[in-house]
Amino acid sequence: EVQLVESGGALVQAGGSLRLSCAAAGFTFDEFDIGWFRQAPGKEREAVSCFMNSGRSVFYKDSVKGRFTISSDNAKTTLYLQMNSLKPEDTAVYYCAADLVDCPSYGTKYYDHTWNGYWGQGTQVTVSS
């Protein structure tokens, strides 16, 4: 059974840092694309960063480039998101999600009830100004 469990969310001041973790069970990142997504109140879920093709390809949303870094442990069962220079607009619930291919599209596919991808329960990140 595939499971994703996020942790590491917190309240932090603008300019601060956080590291999110996503523990995966039932698969490794060699088998699935996996990534980080976020959803702010009143907004749609969006892709933040993705590992694709067993980590050979990496995606970052433009607004987080240079501030966020995606990585994994050697066993490729825990995904991390190091977030530096946090801004109030980074405030959201952060989720990890996985499926076979095309990770950046999962934010859109979330609204497609025919999609069979996997989501964690989310972790809240709040950045105060």
C-alpha atoms as a PDB file:
ATOM      1  CA  GLU A   1       0.000   0.000   0.000  1.00  0.00           C
ATOM      2  CA  VAL A   2       1.330   3.423  -0.974  1.00  0.00           C
ATOM      3  CA  GLN A   3       1.427   5.957   1.857  1.00  0.00           C
ATOM      4  CA  LEU A   4       2.830   9.467   2.098  1.00  0.00           C
ATOM      5  CA  VAL A   5       3.264  11.248   5.422  1.00  0.00           C
ATOM      6  CA  GLU A   6       4.428  14.867   5.573  1.00  0.00           C
ATOM      7  CA  SER A   7       5.963  16.619   8.554  1.00  0.00           C
ATOM      8  CA  GLY A   8       7.953  19.722   9.404  1.00  0.00           C
ATOM      9  CA  GLY A   9       5.423  22.492   8.913  1.00  0.00           C
ATOM     10  CA  ALA A  10       5.465  25.349  11.405  1.00  0.00           C
ATOM     11  CA  LEU A  11       4.969  29.046  12.009  1.00  0.00           C
ATOM     12  CA  VAL A  12       8.082  30.981  10.991  1.00  0.00           C
ATOM     13  CA  GLN A  13       8.975  34.626  10.459  1.00  0.00           C
ATOM     14  CA  ALA A  14       9.642  36.003   6.999  1.00  0.00           C
ATOM     15  CA  GLY A  15      13.229  35.329   5.985  1.00  0.00           C
ATOM     16  CA  GLY A  16      13.367  32.158   8.026  1.00  0.00           C
ATOM     17  CA  SER A  17      13.845  28.535   6.990  1.00  0.00           C
ATOM     18  CA  LEU A  18      12.025  25.236   7.316  1.00  0.00           C
ATOM     19  CA  ARG A  19      12.665  21.711   6.127  1.00  0.00           C
ATOM     20  CA  LEU A  20       9.678  19.568   5.221  1.00  0.00           C
ATOM     21  CA  SER A  21       9.835  15.786   5.083  1.00  0.00           C
ATOM     22  CA  CYS A  22       7.655  13.290   3.256  1.00  0.00           C
ATOM     23  CA  ALA A  23       8.041   9.659   4.284  1.00  0.00           C
ATOM     24  CA  ALA A  24       6.963   7.288   1.541  1.00  0.00           C
ATOM     25  CA  ALA A  25       5.900   3.674   2.032  1.00  0.00           C
ATOM     26  CA  GLY A  26       5.064   1.072  -0.565  1.00  0.00           C
ATOM     27  CA  PHE A  27       7.336   2.395  -3.317  1.00  0.00           C
ATOM     28  CA  THR A  28      10.661   4.136  -3.997  1.00  0.00           C
ATOM     29  CA  PHE A  29      11.381   7.208  -6.079  1.00  0.00           C
ATOM     30  CA  ASP A  30      12.907   4.979  -8.753  1.00  0.00           C
ATOM     31  CA  GLU A  31       9.387   3.781  -9.500  1.00  0.00           C
ATOM     32  CA  PHE A  32       7.316   6.957  -9.191  1.00  0.00           C
ATOM     33  CA  ASP A  33       7.611  10.662  -9.823  1.00  0.00           C
ATOM     34  CA  ILE A  34       7.144  12.516  -6.546  1.00  0.00           C
ATOM     35  CA  GLY A  35       6.907  16.142  -5.582  1.00  0.00           C
ATOM     36  CA  TRP A  36       5.804  18.930  -3.287  1.00  0.00           C
ATOM     37  CA  PHE A  37       2.612  20.891  -3.787  1.00  0.00           C
ATOM     38  CA  ARG A  38       0.896  23.622  -1.838  1.00  0.00           C
ATOM     39  CA  GLN A  39      -2.533  25.080  -1.443  1.00  0.00           C
ATOM     40  CA  ALA A  40      -3.222  28.472   0.087  1.00  0.00           C
ATOM     41  CA  PRO A  41      -6.720  29.457   1.287  1.00  0.00           C
ATOM     42  CA  GLY A  42      -8.966  30.260  -1.655  1.00  0.00           C
ATOM     43  CA  LYS A  43      -6.386  29.144  -4.209  1.00  0.00           C
ATOM     44  CA  GLU A  44      -5.899  26.029  -6.267  1.00  0.00           C
ATOM     45  CA  ARG A  45      -3.313  23.411  -5.479  1.00  0.00           C
ATOM     46  CA  GLU A  46      -0.031  24.063  -7.291  1.00  0.00           C
ATOM     47  CA  ALA A  47       3.237  22.296  -7.946  1.00  0.00           C
ATOM     48  CA  VAL A  48       6.219  23.612  -5.997  1.00  0.00           C
ATOM     49  CA  SER A  49       8.995  21.139  -6.818  1.00  0.00           C
ATOM     50  CA  CYS A  50       9.271  17.643  -8.288  1.00  0.00           C
ATOM     51  CA  PHE A  51      11.659  14.726  -8.622  1.00  0.00           C
ATOM     52  CA  MET A  52      11.127  12.972 -11.950  1.00  0.00           C
ATOM     53  CA  ASN A  53      12.774  10.088 -13.770  1.00  0.00           C
ATOM     54  CA  SER A  54      14.308   8.659 -10.595  1.00  0.00           C
ATOM     55  CA  GLY A  55      15.560  12.100  -9.615  1.00  0.00           C
ATOM     56  CA  ARG A  56      17.365  12.761 -12.893  1.00  0.00           C
ATOM     57  CA  SER A  57      15.010  15.637 -13.637  1.00  0.00           C
ATOM     58  CA  VAL A  58      13.949  18.319 -11.173  1.00  0.00           C
ATOM     59  CA  PHE A  59      11.179  20.905 -11.447  1.00  0.00           C
ATOM     60  CA  TYR A  60      10.802  24.107  -9.457  1.00  0.00           C
ATOM     61  CA  LYS A  61       8.024  26.661  -9.555  1.00  0.00           C
ATOM     62  CA  ASP A  62       9.536  29.947 -10.727  1.00  0.00           C
ATOM     63  CA  SER A  63       8.769  31.814  -7.505  1.00  0.00           C
ATOM     64  CA  VAL A  64      10.727  29.341  -5.358  1.00  0.00           C
ATOM     65  CA  LYS A  65      13.803  28.920  -7.556  1.00  0.00           C
ATOM     66  CA  GLY A  66      16.938  29.783  -5.605  1.00  0.00           C
ATOM     67  CA  ARG A  67      15.099  29.560  -2.265  1.00  0.00           C
ATOM     68  CA  PHE A  68      13.766  25.987  -2.112  1.00  0.00           C
ATOM     69  CA  THR A  69      15.701  22.760  -2.644  1.00  0.00           C
ATOM     70  CA  ILE A  70      14.201  19.305  -3.139  1.00  0.00           C
ATOM     71  CA  SER A  71      16.196  16.251  -2.122  1.00  0.00           C
ATOM     72  CA  SER A  72      15.834  12.671  -0.947  1.00  0.00           C
ATOM     73  CA  ASP A  73      17.575  10.220   1.324  1.00  0.00           C
ATOM     74  CA  ASN A  74      19.833   7.530  -0.151  1.00  0.00           C
ATOM     75  CA  ALA A  75      17.113   4.900   0.113  1.00  0.00           C
ATOM     76  CA  LYS A  76      14.803   7.140  -1.937  1.00  0.00           C
ATOM     77  CA  THR A  77      11.961   6.723   0.509  1.00  0.00           C
ATOM     78  CA  THR A  78      12.002  10.136   2.187  1.00  0.00           C
ATOM     79  CA  LEU A  79      11.586  13.367   0.258  1.00  0.00           C
ATOM     80  CA  TYR A  80      12.689  16.700   1.655  1.00  0.00           C
ATOM     81  CA  LEU A  81      11.987  20.301   0.824  1.00  0.00           C
ATOM     82  CA  GLN A  82      14.444  22.802   2.260  1.00  0.00           C
ATOM     83  CA  MET A  83      12.790  26.202   2.243  1.00  0.00           C
ATOM     84  CA  ASN A  84      14.952  29.276   2.814  1.00  0.00           C
ATOM     85  CA  SER A  85      14.191  32.994   2.680  1.00  0.00           C
ATOM     86  CA  LEU A  86      10.537  32.273   3.313  1.00  0.00           C
ATOM     87  CA  LYS A  87       7.959  34.891   2.376  1.00  0.00           C
ATOM     88  CA  PRO A  88       4.400  35.426   3.606  1.00  0.00           C
ATOM     89  CA  GLU A  89       3.151  34.333   0.177  1.00  0.00           C
ATOM     90  CA  ASP A  90       4.668  30.896   0.834  1.00  0.00           C
ATOM     91  CA  THR A  91       1.996  30.348   3.493  1.00  0.00           C
ATOM     92  CA  ALA A  92      -0.022  27.262   2.566  1.00  0.00           C
ATOM     93  CA  VAL A  93      -0.662  23.647   3.366  1.00  0.00           C
ATOM     94  CA  TYR A  94       2.173  21.692   1.768  1.00  0.00           C
ATOM     95  CA  TYR A  95       1.519  18.223   0.389  1.00  0.00           C
ATOM     96  CA  CYS A  96       3.595  15.553  -1.244  1.00  0.00           C
ATOM     97  CA  ALA A  97       2.147  13.523  -4.081  1.00  0.00           C
ATOM     98  CA  ALA A  98       3.281  10.651  -6.267  1.00  0.00           C
ATOM     99  CA  ASP A  99       2.339   8.892  -9.464  1.00  0.00           C
ATOM    100  CA  LEU A 100       4.085   7.210 -12.374  1.00  0.00           C
ATOM    101  CA  VAL A 101       4.911  10.254 -14.528  1.00  0.00           C
ATOM    102  CA  ASP A 102       4.441  13.994 -15.124  1.00  0.00           C
ATOM    103  CA  CYS A 103       4.715  15.230 -11.547  1.00  0.00           C
ATOM    104  CA  PRO A 104       4.215  18.969 -12.223  1.00  0.00           C
ATOM    105  CA  SER A 105       0.700  18.209 -13.457  1.00  0.00           C
ATOM    106  CA  TYR A 106      -0.505  16.646 -10.201  1.00  0.00           C
ATOM    107  CA  GLY A 107      -1.791  19.952  -8.852  1.00  0.00           C
ATOM    108  CA  THR A 108      -4.213  20.106 -11.766  1.00  0.00           C
ATOM    109  CA  LYS A 109      -4.927  16.367 -11.695  1.00  0.00           C
ATOM    110  CA  TYR A 110      -5.931  16.686  -8.045  1.00  0.00           C
ATOM    111  CA  TYR A 111      -9.242  18.066  -9.300  1.00  0.00           C
ATOM    112  CA  ASP A 112      -9.714  15.150 -11.727  1.00  0.00           C
ATOM    113  CA  HIS A 113     -11.623  12.446  -9.908  1.00  0.00           C
ATOM    114  CA  THR A 114     -10.448   9.837 -12.408  1.00  0.00           C
ATOM    115  CA  TRP A 115      -6.791  10.373 -11.471  1.00  0.00           C
ATOM    116  CA  ASN A 116      -5.275   7.605  -9.329  1.00  0.00           C
ATOM    117  CA  GLY A 117      -2.272   9.394  -7.855  1.00  0.00           C
ATOM    118  CA  TYR A 118      -1.346   9.453  -4.184  1.00  0.00           C
ATOM    119  CA  TRP A 119      -1.400  12.368  -1.711  1.00  0.00           C
ATOM    120  CA  GLY A 120      -0.249  12.836   1.844  1.00  0.00           C
ATOM    121  CA  GLN A 121      -2.363  14.564   4.469  1.00  0.00           C
ATOM    122  CA  GLY A 122      -0.449  17.848   4.302  1.00  0.00           C
ATOM    123  CA  THR A 123       1.525  20.003   6.714  1.00  0.00           C
ATOM    124  CA  GLN A 124       0.809  23.660   7.460  1.00  0.00           C
ATOM    125  CA  VAL A 125       3.455  26.288   6.760  1.00  0.00           C
ATOM    126  CA  THR A 126       2.701  29.795   7.996  1.00  0.00           C
ATOM    127  CA  VAL A 127       5.103  32.667   7.318  1.00  0.00           C
ATOM    128  CA  SER A 128       4.487  35.812   9.322  1.00  0.00           C
ATOM    129  CA  SER A 129       5.548  39.231   8.082  1.00  0.00           C
END
